[in-house]
PDB file of all heavy atoms in Angstrom:
ATOM      1  N   THR A   1      34.885  -8.840  37.828  1.00  0.00           N
ATOM      2  CA  THR A   1      34.426  -7.456  37.698  1.00  0.00           C
ATOM      3  C   THR A   1      33.686  -7.008  38.955  1.00  0.00           C
ATOM      4  O   THR A   1      33.882  -5.891  39.440  1.00  0.00           O
ATOM      5  CB  THR A   1      33.510  -7.323  36.467  1.00  0.00           C
ATOM      6  OG1 THR A   1      34.243  -7.732  35.307  1.00  0.00           O
ATOM      7  CG2 THR A   1      33.036  -5.898  36.285  1.00  0.00           C
ATOM      8  N   ALA A   2      32.850  -7.878  39.514  1.00  0.00           N
ATOM      9  CA  ALA A   2      32.099  -7.539  40.725  1.00  0.00           C
ATOM     10  C   ALA A   2      33.029  -7.337  41.915  1.00  0.00           C
ATOM     11  O   ALA A   2      32.819  -6.433  42.728  1.00  0.00           O
ATOM     12  CB  ALA A   2      31.081  -8.630  41.029  1.00  0.00           C
ATOM     13  N   LEU A   3      34.068  -8.154  42.031  1.00  0.00           N
ATOM     14  CA  LEU A   3      35.015  -8.012  43.142  1.00  0.00           C
ATOM     15  C   LEU A   3      35.831  -6.721  43.010  1.00  0.00           C
ATOM     16  O   LEU A   3      36.031  -6.008  43.992  1.00  0.00           O
ATOM     17  CB  LEU A   3      35.938  -9.223  43.211  1.00  0.00           C
ATOM     18  CG  LEU A   3      35.285 -10.514  43.709  1.00  0.00           C
ATOM     19  CD1 LEU A   3      36.209 -11.703  43.487  1.00  0.00           C
ATOM     20  CD2 LEU A   3      34.910 -10.391  45.178  1.00  0.00           C
ATOM     21  N   VAL A   4      36.285  -6.412  41.811  1.00  0.00           N
ATOM     22  CA  VAL A   4      37.046  -5.174  41.598  1.00  0.00           C
ATOM     23  C   VAL A   4      36.162  -3.961  41.891  1.00  0.00           C
ATOM     24  O   VAL A   4      36.626  -2.965  42.449  1.00  0.00           O
ATOM     25  CB  VAL A   4      37.628  -5.130  40.173  1.00  0.00           C
ATOM     26  CG1 VAL A   4      38.201  -3.764  39.841  1.00  0.00           C
ATOM     27  CG2 VAL A   4      38.701  -6.200  40.007  1.00  0.00           C
ATOM     28  N   ALA A   5      34.873  -4.047  41.558  1.00  0.00           N
ATOM     29  CA  ALA A   5      33.949  -2.938  41.794  1.00  0.00           C
ATOM     30  C   ALA A   5      33.783  -2.627  43.275  1.00  0.00           C
ATOM     31  O   ALA A   5      33.501  -1.488  43.641  1.00  0.00           O
ATOM     32  CB  ALA A   5      32.590  -3.244  41.170  1.00  0.00           C
ATOM     33  N   VAL A   6      33.957  -3.630  44.148  1.00  0.00           N
ATOM     34  CA  VAL A   6      33.853  -3.397  45.590  1.00  0.00           C
ATOM     35  C   VAL A   6      35.240  -3.306  46.234  1.00  0.00           C
ATOM     36  O   VAL A   6      35.392  -3.506  47.436  1.00  0.00           O
ATOM     37  CB  VAL A   6      32.974  -4.462  46.296  1.00  0.00           C
ATOM     38  CG1 VAL A   6      31.535  -4.348  45.841  1.00  0.00           C
ATOM     39  CG2 VAL A   6      33.517  -5.857  46.093  1.00  0.00           C
ATOM     40  N   ASP A   7      36.237  -3.017  45.427  1.00  0.00           N
ATOM     41  CA  ASP A   7      37.610  -2.760  45.875  1.00  0.00           C
ATOM     42  C   ASP A   7      38.264  -3.989  46.508  1.00  0.00           C
ATOM     43  O   ASP A   7      38.994  -3.875  47.489  1.00  0.00           O
ATOM     44  CB  ASP A   7      37.642  -1.567  46.834  1.00  0.00           C
ATOM     45  CG  ASP A   7      39.048  -0.998  46.973  1.00  0.00           C
ATOM     46  OD1 ASP A   7      39.801  -1.049  45.983  1.00  0.00           O
ATOM     47  OD2 ASP A   7      39.400  -0.531  48.075  1.00  0.00           O
ATOM     48  N   ILE A   8      38.003  -5.151  45.947  1.00  0.00           N
ATOM     49  CA  ILE A   8      38.691  -6.368  46.375  1.00  0.00           C
ATOM     50  C   ILE A   8      39.558  -6.810  45.211  1.00  0.00           C
ATOM     51  O   ILE A   8      39.048  -7.200  44.158  1.00  0.00           O
ATOM     52  CB  ILE A   8      37.709  -7.471  46.785  1.00  0.00           C
ATOM     53  CG1 ILE A   8      36.928  -7.015  48.013  1.00  0.00           C
ATOM     54  CG2 ILE A   8      38.446  -8.781  47.047  1.00  0.00           C
ATOM     55  CD1 ILE A   8      35.847  -7.949  48.458  1.00  0.00           C
ATOM     56  N   VAL A   9      40.855  -6.685  45.410  1.00  0.00           N
ATOM     57  CA  VAL A   9      41.804  -7.093  44.383  1.00  0.00           C
ATOM     58  C   VAL A   9      42.714  -8.159  44.990  1.00  0.00           C
ATOM     59  O   VAL A   9      42.919  -8.205  46.191  1.00  0.00           O
ATOM     60  CB  VAL A   9      42.634  -5.905  43.851  1.00  0.00           C
ATOM     61  CG1 VAL A   9      41.750  -4.943  43.090  1.00  0.00           C
ATOM     62  CG2 VAL A   9      43.334  -5.185  44.978  1.00  0.00           C
ATOM     63  N   GLY A  10      43.230  -9.004  44.160  1.00  0.00           N
ATOM     64  CA  GLY A  10      44.047 -10.102  44.633  1.00  0.00           C
ATOM     65  C   GLY A  10      43.199 -11.361  44.610  1.00  0.00           C
ATOM     66  O   GLY A  10      42.329 -11.551  45.446  1.00  0.00           O
ATOM     67  N   LEU A  11      43.420 -12.181  43.614  1.00  0.00           N
ATOM     68  CA  LEU A  11      42.562 -13.321  43.369  1.00  0.00           C
ATOM     69  C   LEU A  11      43.397 -14.414  42.727  1.00  0.00           C
ATOM     70  O   LEU A  11      44.190 -14.143  41.840  1.00  0.00           O
ATOM     71  CB  LEU A  11      41.443 -12.864  42.424  1.00  0.00           C
ATOM     72  CG  LEU A  11      40.504 -13.863  41.806  1.00  0.00           C
ATOM     73  CD1 LEU A  11      39.552 -14.398  42.857  1.00  0.00           C
ATOM     74  CD2 LEU A  11      39.699 -13.182  40.713  1.00  0.00           C
ATOM     75  N   THR A  12      43.240 -15.633  43.202  1.00  0.00           N
ATOM     76  CA  THR A  12      43.897 -16.779  42.584  1.00  0.00           C
ATOM     77  C   THR A  12      42.826 -17.630  41.933  1.00  0.00           C
ATOM     78  O   THR A  12      41.797 -17.900  42.546  1.00  0.00           O
ATOM     79  CB  THR A  12      44.661 -17.615  43.629  1.00  0.00           C
ATOM     80  OG1 THR A  12      45.619 -16.771  44.268  1.00  0.00           O
ATOM     81  CG2 THR A  12      45.380 -18.777  42.982  1.00  0.00           C
ATOM     82  N   VAL A  13      43.057 -18.039  40.688  1.00  0.00           N
ATOM     83  CA  VAL A  13      42.085 -18.812  39.929  1.00  0.00           C
ATOM     84  C   VAL A  13      42.713 -20.129  39.507  1.00  0.00           C
ATOM     85  O   VAL A  13      43.829 -20.156  38.995  1.00  0.00           O
ATOM     86  CB  VAL A  13      41.635 -18.036  38.672  1.00  0.00           C
ATOM     87  CG1 VAL A  13      40.643 -18.856  37.854  1.00  0.00           C
ATOM     88  CG2 VAL A  13      41.049 -16.695  39.049  1.00  0.00           C
ATOM     89  N   CYS A  14      41.986 -21.228  39.742  1.00  0.00           N
ATOM     90  CA  CYS A  14      42.427 -22.558  39.317  1.00  0.00           C
ATOM     91  C   CYS A  14      41.271 -23.245  38.608  1.00  0.00           C
ATOM     92  O   CYS A  14      40.125 -23.099  39.011  1.00  0.00           O
ATOM     93  CB  CYS A  14      42.826 -23.426  40.514  1.00  0.00           C
ATOM     94  SG  CYS A  14      44.182 -22.775  41.487  1.00  0.00           S
ATOM     95  N   ASP A  15      41.582 -24.005  37.576  1.00  0.00           N
ATOM     96  CA  ASP A  15      40.566 -24.833  36.938  1.00  0.00           C
ATOM     97  C   ASP A  15      40.322 -26.048  37.821  1.00  0.00           C
ATOM     98  O   ASP A  15      41.260 -26.611  38.391  1.00  0.00           O
ATOM     99  CB  ASP A  15      41.016 -25.284  35.552  1.00  0.00           C
ATOM    100  CG  ASP A  15      41.055 -24.133  34.560  1.00  0.00           C
ATOM    101  OD1 ASP A  15      40.190 -23.242  34.661  1.00  0.00           O
ATOM    102  OD2 ASP A  15      41.939 -24.123  33.698  1.00  0.00           O
ATOM    103  N   ALA A  16      39.072 -26.433  37.946  1.00  0.00           N
ATOM    104  CA  ALA A  16      38.714 -27.578  38.782  1.00  0.00           C
ATOM    105  C   ALA A  16      37.625 -28.371  38.076  1.00  0.00           C
ATOM    106  O   ALA A  16      36.963 -27.879  37.167  1.00  0.00           O
ATOM    107  CB  ALA A  16      38.226 -27.092  40.145  1.00  0.00           C
ATOM    108  N   ARG A  17      37.451 -29.611  38.505  1.00  0.00           N
ATOM    109  CA  ARG A  17      36.364 -30.446  38.016  1.00  0.00           C
ATOM    110  C   ARG A  17      35.727 -31.128  39.216  1.00  0.00           C
ATOM    111  O   ARG A  17      36.423 -31.487  40.160  1.00  0.00           O
ATOM    112  CB  ARG A  17      36.871 -31.512  37.043  1.00  0.00           C
ATOM    113  CG  ARG A  17      37.409 -30.922  35.764  1.00  0.00           C
ATOM    114  CD  ARG A  17      37.804 -31.965  34.752  1.00  0.00           C
ATOM    115  NE  ARG A  17      38.586 -33.043  35.348  1.00  0.00           N
ATOM    116  CZ  ARG A  17      38.512 -34.312  34.964  1.00  0.00           C
ATOM    117  NH1 ARG A  17      37.705 -34.666  34.003  1.00  0.00           N
ATOM    118  NH2 ARG A  17      39.244 -35.237  35.535  1.00  0.00           N
ATOM    119  N   GLY A  18      34.424 -31.292  39.184  1.00  0.00           N
ATOM    120  CA  GLY A  18      33.769 -31.952  40.292  1.00  0.00           C
ATOM    121  C   GLY A  18      32.289 -32.115  40.043  1.00  0.00           C
ATOM    122  O   GLY A  18      31.791 -31.798  38.970  1.00  0.00           O
ATOM    123  N   PHE A  19      31.596 -32.615  41.063  1.00  0.00           N
ATOM    124  CA  PHE A  19      30.146 -32.723  40.978  1.00  0.00           C
ATOM    125  C   PHE A  19      29.563 -32.582  42.359  1.00  0.00           C
ATOM    126  O   PHE A  19      30.219 -32.808  43.354  1.00  0.00           O
ATOM    127  CB  PHE A  19      29.701 -34.030  40.300  1.00  0.00           C
ATOM    128  CG  PHE A  19      29.959 -35.263  41.122  1.00  0.00           C
ATOM    129  CD1 PHE A  19      28.990 -35.735  41.999  1.00  0.00           C
ATOM    130  CD2 PHE A  19      31.150 -35.943  41.011  1.00  0.00           C
ATOM    131  CE1 PHE A  19      29.217 -36.877  42.752  1.00  0.00           C
ATOM    132  CE2 PHE A  19      31.390 -37.090  41.749  1.00  0.00           C
ATOM    133  CZ  PHE A  19      30.421 -37.549  42.626  1.00  0.00           C
ATOM    134  N   GLY A  20      28.317 -32.185  42.388  1.00  0.00           N
ATOM    135  CA  GLY A  20      27.600 -32.029  43.642  1.00  0.00           C
ATOM    136  C   GLY A  20      26.316 -32.815  43.572  1.00  0.00           C
ATOM    137  O   GLY A  20      26.303 -33.964  43.147  1.00  0.00           O
ATOM    138  N   ARG A  21      25.235 -32.170  43.911  1.00  0.00           N
ATOM    139  CA  ARG A  21      23.938 -32.852  43.936  1.00  0.00           C
ATOM    140  C   ARG A  21      23.501 -33.336  42.563  1.00  0.00           C
ATOM    141  O   ARG A  21      22.765 -34.291  42.443  1.00  0.00           O
ATOM    142  CB  ARG A  21      22.868 -31.928  44.493  1.00  0.00           C
ATOM    143  CG  ARG A  21      23.020 -31.721  45.962  1.00  0.00           C
ATOM    144  CD  ARG A  21      21.854 -30.956  46.507  1.00  0.00           C
ATOM    145  NE  ARG A  21      22.042 -30.785  47.932  1.00  0.00           N
ATOM    146  CZ  ARG A  21      21.411 -29.893  48.640  1.00  0.00           C
ATOM    147  NH1 ARG A  21      20.557 -29.086  48.060  1.00  0.00           N
ATOM    148  NH2 ARG A  21      21.632 -29.796  49.929  1.00  0.00           N
ATOM    149  N   GLN A  22      23.952 -32.640  41.501  1.00  0.00           N
ATOM    150  CA  GLN A  22      23.517 -33.047  40.172  1.00  0.00           C
ATOM    151  C   GLN A  22      24.204 -34.323  39.717  1.00  0.00           C
ATOM    152  O   GLN A  22      23.793 -34.928  38.737  1.00  0.00           O
ATOM    153  CB  GLN A  22      23.715 -31.923  39.155  1.00  0.00           C
ATOM    154  CG  GLN A  22      25.145 -31.752  38.671  1.00  0.00           C
ATOM    155  CD  GLN A  22      25.998 -30.840  39.532  1.00  0.00           C
ATOM    156  OE1 GLN A  22      25.719 -30.631  40.694  1.00  0.00           O
ATOM    157  NE2 GLN A  22      27.046 -30.314  38.965  1.00  0.00           N
ATOM    158  N   LYS A  23      25.248 -34.759  40.413  1.00  0.00           N
ATOM    159  CA  LYS A  23      25.966 -36.008  40.136  1.00  0.00           C
ATOM    160  C   LYS A  23      26.341 -36.153  38.672  1.00  0.00           C
ATOM    161  O   LYS A  23      26.178 -37.198  38.067  1.00  0.00           O
ATOM    162  CB  LYS A  23      25.122 -37.205  40.583  1.00  0.00           C
ATOM    163  CG  LYS A  23      24.838 -37.209  42.059  1.00  0.00           C
ATOM    164  CD  LYS A  23      23.968 -38.384  42.439  1.00  0.00           C
ATOM    165  CE  LYS A  23      23.638 -38.386  43.903  1.00  0.00           C
ATOM    166  NZ  LYS A  23      22.620 -37.447  44.295  1.00  0.00           N
ATOM    167  N   GLY A  24      26.844 -35.107  38.095  1.00  0.00           N
ATOM    168  CA  GLY A  24      27.175 -35.133  36.671  1.00  0.00           C
ATOM    169  C   GLY A  24      25.923 -34.859  35.863  1.00  0.00           C
ATOM    170  O   GLY A  24      24.881 -34.510  36.382  1.00  0.00           O
ATOM    171  N   GLN A  25      26.025 -34.998  34.582  1.00  0.00           N
ATOM    172  CA  GLN A  25      24.868 -34.762  33.733  1.00  0.00           C
ATOM    173  C   GLN A  25      24.976 -35.599  32.472  1.00  0.00           C
ATOM    174  O   GLN A  25      26.065 -36.018  32.099  1.00  0.00           O
ATOM    175  CB  GLN A  25      24.747 -33.281  33.386  1.00  0.00           C
ATOM    176  CG  GLN A  25      25.945 -32.744  32.627  1.00  0.00           C
ATOM    177  CD  GLN A  25      25.890 -31.243  32.477  1.00  0.00           C
ATOM    178  OE1 GLN A  25      25.113 -30.578  33.122  1.00  0.00           O
ATOM    179  NE2 GLN A  25      26.710 -30.713  31.615  1.00  0.00           N
ATOM    180  N   VAL A  26      23.847 -35.840  31.842  1.00  0.00           N
ATOM    181  CA  VAL A  26      23.828 -36.618  30.599  1.00  0.00           C
ATOM    182  C   VAL A  26      23.904 -35.647  29.435  1.00  0.00           C
ATOM    183  O   VAL A  26      23.161 -34.673  29.367  1.00  0.00           O
ATOM    184  CB  VAL A  26      22.555 -37.480  30.518  1.00  0.00           C
ATOM    185  CG1 VAL A  26      22.481 -38.203  29.188  1.00  0.00           C
ATOM    186  CG2 VAL A  26      22.510 -38.467  31.666  1.00  0.00           C
ATOM    187  N   GLU A  27      24.830 -35.871  28.537  1.00  0.00           N
ATOM    188  CA  GLU A  27      25.030 -35.038  27.356  1.00  0.00           C
ATOM    189  C   GLU A  27      24.751 -35.862  26.113  1.00  0.00           C
ATOM    190  O   GLU A  27      24.850 -37.080  26.123  1.00  0.00           O
ATOM    191  CB  GLU A  27      26.479 -34.545  27.306  1.00  0.00           C
ATOM    192  CG  GLU A  27      26.902 -33.699  28.480  1.00  0.00           C
ATOM    193  CD  GLU A  27      26.733 -32.228  28.233  1.00  0.00           C
ATOM    194  OE1 GLU A  27      26.727 -31.811  27.064  1.00  0.00           O
ATOM    195  OE2 GLU A  27      26.582 -31.503  29.219  1.00  0.00           O
ATOM    196  N   ARG A  28      24.436 -35.182  25.040  1.00  0.00           N
ATOM    197  CA  ARG A  28      24.285 -35.840  23.737  1.00  0.00           C
ATOM    198  C   ARG A  28      25.310 -35.247  22.778  1.00  0.00           C
ATOM    199  O   ARG A  28      25.482 -34.037  22.718  1.00  0.00           O
ATOM    200  CB  ARG A  28      22.892 -35.616  23.156  1.00  0.00           C
ATOM    201  CG  ARG A  28      21.814 -36.384  23.849  1.00  0.00           C
ATOM    202  CD  ARG A  28      20.508 -36.205  23.080  1.00  0.00           C
ATOM    203  NE  ARG A  28      19.420 -36.810  23.800  1.00  0.00           N
ATOM    204  CZ  ARG A  28      19.013 -38.042  23.586  1.00  0.00           C
ATOM    205  NH1 ARG A  28      19.585 -38.783  22.677  1.00  0.00           N
ATOM    206  NH2 ARG A  28      18.004 -38.526  24.280  1.00  0.00           N
ATOM    207  N   TYR A  29      25.980 -36.134  22.053  1.00  0.00           N
ATOM    208  CA  TYR A  29      26.948 -35.691  21.062  1.00  0.00           C
ATOM    209  C   TYR A  29      26.798 -36.584  19.844  1.00  0.00           C
ATOM    210  O   TYR A  29      26.991 -37.801  19.939  1.00  0.00           O
ATOM    211  CB  TYR A  29      28.380 -35.762  21.608  1.00  0.00           C
ATOM    212  CG  TYR A  29      29.431 -35.316  20.630  1.00  0.00           C
ATOM    213  CD1 TYR A  29      29.562 -33.977  20.294  1.00  0.00           C
ATOM    214  CD2 TYR A  29      30.282 -36.231  20.034  1.00  0.00           C
ATOM    215  CE1 TYR A  29      30.514 -33.564  19.390  1.00  0.00           C
ATOM    216  CE2 TYR A  29      31.239 -35.830  19.124  1.00  0.00           C
ATOM    217  CZ  TYR A  29      31.350 -34.488  18.811  1.00  0.00           C
ATOM    218  OH  TYR A  29      32.299 -34.086  17.909  1.00  0.00           O
ATOM    219  N   ARG A  30      26.390 -35.991  18.729  1.00  0.00           N
ATOM    220  CA  ARG A  30      26.177 -36.730  17.480  1.00  0.00           C
ATOM    221  C   ARG A  30      25.263 -37.942  17.677  1.00  0.00           C
ATOM    222  O   ARG A  30      25.529 -39.034  17.203  1.00  0.00           O
ATOM    223  CB  ARG A  30      27.500 -37.151  16.867  1.00  0.00           C
ATOM    224  CG  ARG A  30      28.326 -35.968  16.419  1.00  0.00           C
ATOM    225  CD  ARG A  30      29.533 -36.408  15.675  1.00  0.00           C
ATOM    226  NE  ARG A  30      30.277 -35.232  15.219  1.00  0.00           N
ATOM    227  CZ  ARG A  30      31.382 -35.284  14.533  1.00  0.00           C
ATOM    228  NH1 ARG A  30      31.903 -36.444  14.201  1.00  0.00           N
ATOM    229  NH2 ARG A  30      31.984 -34.180  14.161  1.00  0.00           N
ATOM    230  N   GLY A  31      24.193 -37.737  18.438  1.00  0.00           N
ATOM    231  CA  GLY A  31      23.208 -38.777  18.631  1.00  0.00           C
ATOM    232  C   GLY A  31      23.521 -39.782  19.724  1.00  0.00           C
ATOM    233  O   GLY A  31      22.689 -40.607  20.066  1.00  0.00           O
ATOM    234  N   ASN A  32      24.702 -39.741  20.281  1.00  0.00           N
ATOM    235  CA  ASN A  32      25.075 -40.672  21.340  1.00  0.00           C
ATOM    236  C   ASN A  32      24.966 -39.981  22.695  1.00  0.00           C
ATOM    237  O   ASN A  32      25.382 -38.841  22.848  1.00  0.00           O
ATOM    238  CB  ASN A  32      26.514 -41.171  21.163  1.00  0.00           C
ATOM    239  CG  ASN A  32      26.672 -41.990  19.905  1.00  0.00           C
ATOM    240  OD1 ASN A  32      25.773 -42.734  19.534  1.00  0.00           O
ATOM    241  ND2 ASN A  32      27.812 -41.855  19.245  1.00  0.00           N
ATOM    242  N   GLU A  33      24.417 -40.700  23.663  1.00  0.00           N
ATOM    243  CA  GLU A  33      24.341 -40.174  25.025  1.00  0.00           C
ATOM    244  C   GLU A  33      25.549 -40.628  25.818  1.00  0.00           C
ATOM    245  O   GLU A  33      25.993 -41.762  25.681  1.00  0.00           O
ATOM    246  CB  GLU A  33      23.087 -40.693  25.733  1.00  0.00           C
ATOM    247  CG  GLU A  33      21.840 -39.940  25.418  1.00  0.00           C
ATOM    248  CD  GLU A  33      20.686 -40.319  26.339  1.00  0.00           C
ATOM    249  OE1 GLU A  33      20.892 -41.105  27.281  1.00  0.00           O
ATOM    250  OE2 GLU A  33      19.591 -39.821  26.103  1.00  0.00           O
ATOM    251  N   PHE A  34      26.085 -39.736  26.623  1.00  0.00           N
ATOM    252  CA  PHE A  34      27.152 -40.105  27.539  1.00  0.00           C
ATOM    253  C   PHE A  34      27.034 -39.261  28.786  1.00  0.00           C
ATOM    254  O   PHE A  34      26.457 -38.180  28.773  1.00  0.00           O
ATOM    255  CB  PHE A  34      28.538 -39.976  26.889  1.00  0.00           C
ATOM    256  CG  PHE A  34      28.876 -38.585  26.446  1.00  0.00           C
ATOM    257  CD1 PHE A  34      29.611 -37.747  27.258  1.00  0.00           C
ATOM    258  CD2 PHE A  34      28.458 -38.105  25.206  1.00  0.00           C
ATOM    259  CE1 PHE A  34      29.937 -36.454  26.854  1.00  0.00           C
ATOM    260  CE2 PHE A  34      28.773 -36.821  24.795  1.00  0.00           C
ATOM    261  CZ  PHE A  34      29.512 -35.999  25.624  1.00  0.00           C
ATOM    262  N   THR A  35      27.556 -39.782  29.876  1.00  0.00           N
ATOM    263  CA  THR A  35      27.461 -39.102  31.166  1.00  0.00           C
ATOM    264  C   THR A  35      28.770 -38.382  31.453  1.00  0.00           C
ATOM    265  O   THR A  35      29.847 -38.953  31.310  1.00  0.00           O
ATOM    266  CB  THR A  35      27.188 -40.118  32.292  1.00  0.00           C
ATOM    267  OG1 THR A  35      25.987 -40.809  31.976  1.00  0.00           O
ATOM    268  CG2 THR A  35      27.031 -39.425  33.621  1.00  0.00           C
TER     269      THR A  35
END
């Protein structure tokens, strides 16, 4: 929406996975911790 508002159209979107400084994160699911 922000790009269209400044008259920039034409965009390619891809799903990606990665990590940076946070090096992943610890999650909890049904009482179990996993990274």
